[in-house]
Amino acid sequence: MALTKVKGSVWDSSDNGLAVNVKDFGASPSASAAVNTAAIQAAIDYVVNAPSTSNGVVYFPPGSYAVSKITVTFESLNKRLRLQGSHKRSEIISSVVGDRTFDFIDAQDVAISGWSASI
C-alpha cells in the first residue's frame, strides 16, 4: 500500500517517526462508523506494531469521523503515539453510548491534539 505523505508541519519535530493518514486505510468523513472504526483501528495498529520506530502519528485530515470503539494496545512499552487532528477541523463522532470511544491498554505515552472537541 502506498501511503500518503503527511506534512511535517502537522506535528512537532520531536515525533520523528512513522506517520500515517487514516484516509490511506479507508477512513472518510462520509463513511459509516463501521468502516471508519475498522480503518482507524488498522492505522493505529500499523503504527503501534511497526518494528522500526518508537514514535508514530496517526493523522486525521479535516472532517467528522463517525466511529464506534477503538482499542489501542502497545506491544512495546517504548512506543509513543499521537492521534493528530487537523487543528480544530477534525472531530470524532462516537456511536458508543455509556462507554469510552478509545480504550488504551498498556499505553503509557499517547498524545491527542488538533481536535475541535474532546475525544
Protein backbone atom coordinates (compact mmCIF):
# COMPACT_ATOMS: atom_id res chain seq x y z
CA MET A 1 0.00 0.00 0.00
CA ALA A 2 1.34 3.42 -0.92
CA LEU A 3 0.84 5.80 1.99
CA THR A 4 0.05 9.47 1.54
CA LYS A 5 2.87 11.61 2.85
CA VAL A 6 1.77 13.68 5.83
CA LYS A 7 3.28 17.16 6.03
CA GLY A 8 5.84 17.52 8.81
CA SER A 9 4.26 20.74 10.00
CA VAL A 10 1.26 18.81 11.31
CA TRP A 11 3.16 17.72 14.42
CA ASP A 12 6.23 18.90 16.22
CA SER A 13 9.68 17.63 15.31
CA SER A 14 10.01 15.57 18.49
CA ASP A 15 7.77 12.97 16.85
CA ASN A 16 10.38 11.84 14.30
CA GLY A 17 8.78 8.55 13.44
CA LEU A 18 6.21 6.84 11.31
CA ALA A 19 3.23 8.97 10.23
CA VAL A 20 0.13 7.64 8.52
CA ASN A 21 -3.05 9.22 7.22
CA VAL A 22 -6.33 7.48 8.21
CA LYS A 23 -7.64 8.03 4.67
CA ASP A 24 -4.95 5.65 3.40
CA PHE A 25 -6.62 2.94 5.46
CA GLY A 26 -10.13 3.73 4.18
CA ALA A 27 -11.45 6.26 6.72
CA SER A 28 -13.59 9.08 5.37
CA PRO A 29 -15.91 11.71 6.82
CA SER A 30 -18.62 10.25 4.56
CA ALA A 31 -18.04 6.62 5.64
CA SER A 32 -20.10 4.69 8.16
CA ALA A 33 -18.99 4.19 11.75
CA ALA A 34 -18.18 0.54 10.95
CA VAL A 35 -15.92 1.46 8.02
CA ASN A 36 -14.19 4.31 9.89
CA THR A 37 -13.69 2.23 13.03
CA ALA A 38 -12.00 -0.57 11.06
CA ALA A 39 -9.87 1.89 9.07
CA ILE A 40 -8.77 3.94 12.09
CA GLN A 41 -8.08 0.77 14.09
CA ALA A 42 -5.93 -0.50 11.19
CA ALA A 43 -3.98 2.79 11.01
CA ILE A 44 -3.33 2.79 14.76
CA ASP A 45 -2.32 -0.88 14.75
CA TYR A 46 0.01 -0.26 11.80
CA VAL A 47 1.85 2.49 13.67
CA VAL A 48 1.87 0.82 17.08
CA ASN A 49 3.12 -2.52 15.69
CA ALA A 50 5.77 -1.09 13.36
CA PRO A 51 9.07 -2.64 14.44
CA SER A 52 11.32 0.09 13.08
CA THR A 53 10.18 3.09 15.09
CA SER A 54 9.26 4.05 18.62
CA ASN A 55 7.27 7.17 17.68
CA GLY A 56 4.22 7.38 15.49
CA VAL A 57 1.48 9.73 14.34
CA VAL A 58 -1.97 8.82 13.08
CA TYR A 59 -3.23 11.88 11.18
CA PHE A 60 -6.91 12.72 10.63
CA PRO A 61 -7.48 15.20 7.76
CA PRO A 62 -10.31 17.73 8.21
CA GLY A 63 -13.75 16.21 8.69
CA SER A 64 -16.07 14.46 11.13
CA TYR A 65 -15.35 10.74 11.52
CA ALA A 66 -18.12 8.50 12.85
CA VAL A 67 -16.67 5.64 14.91
CA SER A 68 -17.52 3.03 17.49
CA LYS A 69 -15.00 1.57 19.96
CA ILE A 70 -11.28 1.69 19.13
CA THR A 71 -8.68 -0.15 21.19
CA VAL A 72 -5.03 0.89 21.39
CA THR A 73 -2.71 -1.81 22.75
CA PHE A 74 1.04 -1.30 22.91
CA GLU A 75 3.15 -4.43 22.47
CA SER A 76 6.22 -2.41 23.39
CA LEU A 77 6.35 -0.01 26.32
CA ASN A 78 8.81 2.18 24.41
CA LYS A 79 6.21 3.46 21.95
CA ARG A 80 4.82 6.99 21.63
CA LEU A 81 1.64 7.63 19.70
CA ARG A 82 -0.05 10.85 18.64
CA LEU A 83 -3.60 10.96 17.30
CA GLN A 84 -3.39 14.20 15.35
CA GLY A 85 -6.41 16.08 14.08
CA SER A 86 -6.25 18.90 11.58
CA HIS A 87 -6.16 21.81 14.03
CA LYS A 88 -9.81 22.13 15.06
CA ARG A 89 -11.16 20.95 11.73
CA SER A 90 -11.24 17.25 12.69
CA GLU A 91 -13.60 15.53 15.08
CA ILE A 92 -14.63 12.07 16.20
CA ILE A 93 -18.35 11.38 16.45
CA SER A 94 -18.83 8.35 18.67
CA SER A 95 -21.67 5.88 18.40
CA VAL A 96 -20.59 4.37 21.75
CA VAL A 97 -23.13 5.01 24.49
CA GLY A 98 -22.10 4.72 28.14
CA ASP A 99 -18.53 3.60 27.44
CA ARG A 100 -15.23 5.01 26.19
CA THR A 101 -14.66 5.55 22.48
CA PHE A 102 -10.92 4.90 22.84
CA ASP A 103 -9.68 2.14 25.14
CA PHE A 104 -5.94 2.41 25.85
CA ILE A 105 -4.28 -0.79 27.09
CA ASP A 106 -0.64 -0.65 28.28
CA ALA A 107 -0.37 2.72 26.54
CA GLN A 108 1.92 4.98 28.52
CA ASP A 109 2.67 7.80 26.07
CA VAL A 110 -0.30 8.86 23.95
CA ALA A 111 -0.99 12.43 22.82
CA ILE A 112 -4.25 13.62 21.31
CA SER A 113 -4.09 17.04 19.66
CA GLY A 114 -5.54 19.24 16.94
CA TRP A 115 -9.21 18.37 17.57
CA SER A 116 -12.33 20.53 17.64
CA ALA A 117 -13.73 18.68 20.66
CA SER A 118 -12.53 16.36 23.39
CA ILE A 119 -12.50 12.70 22.46
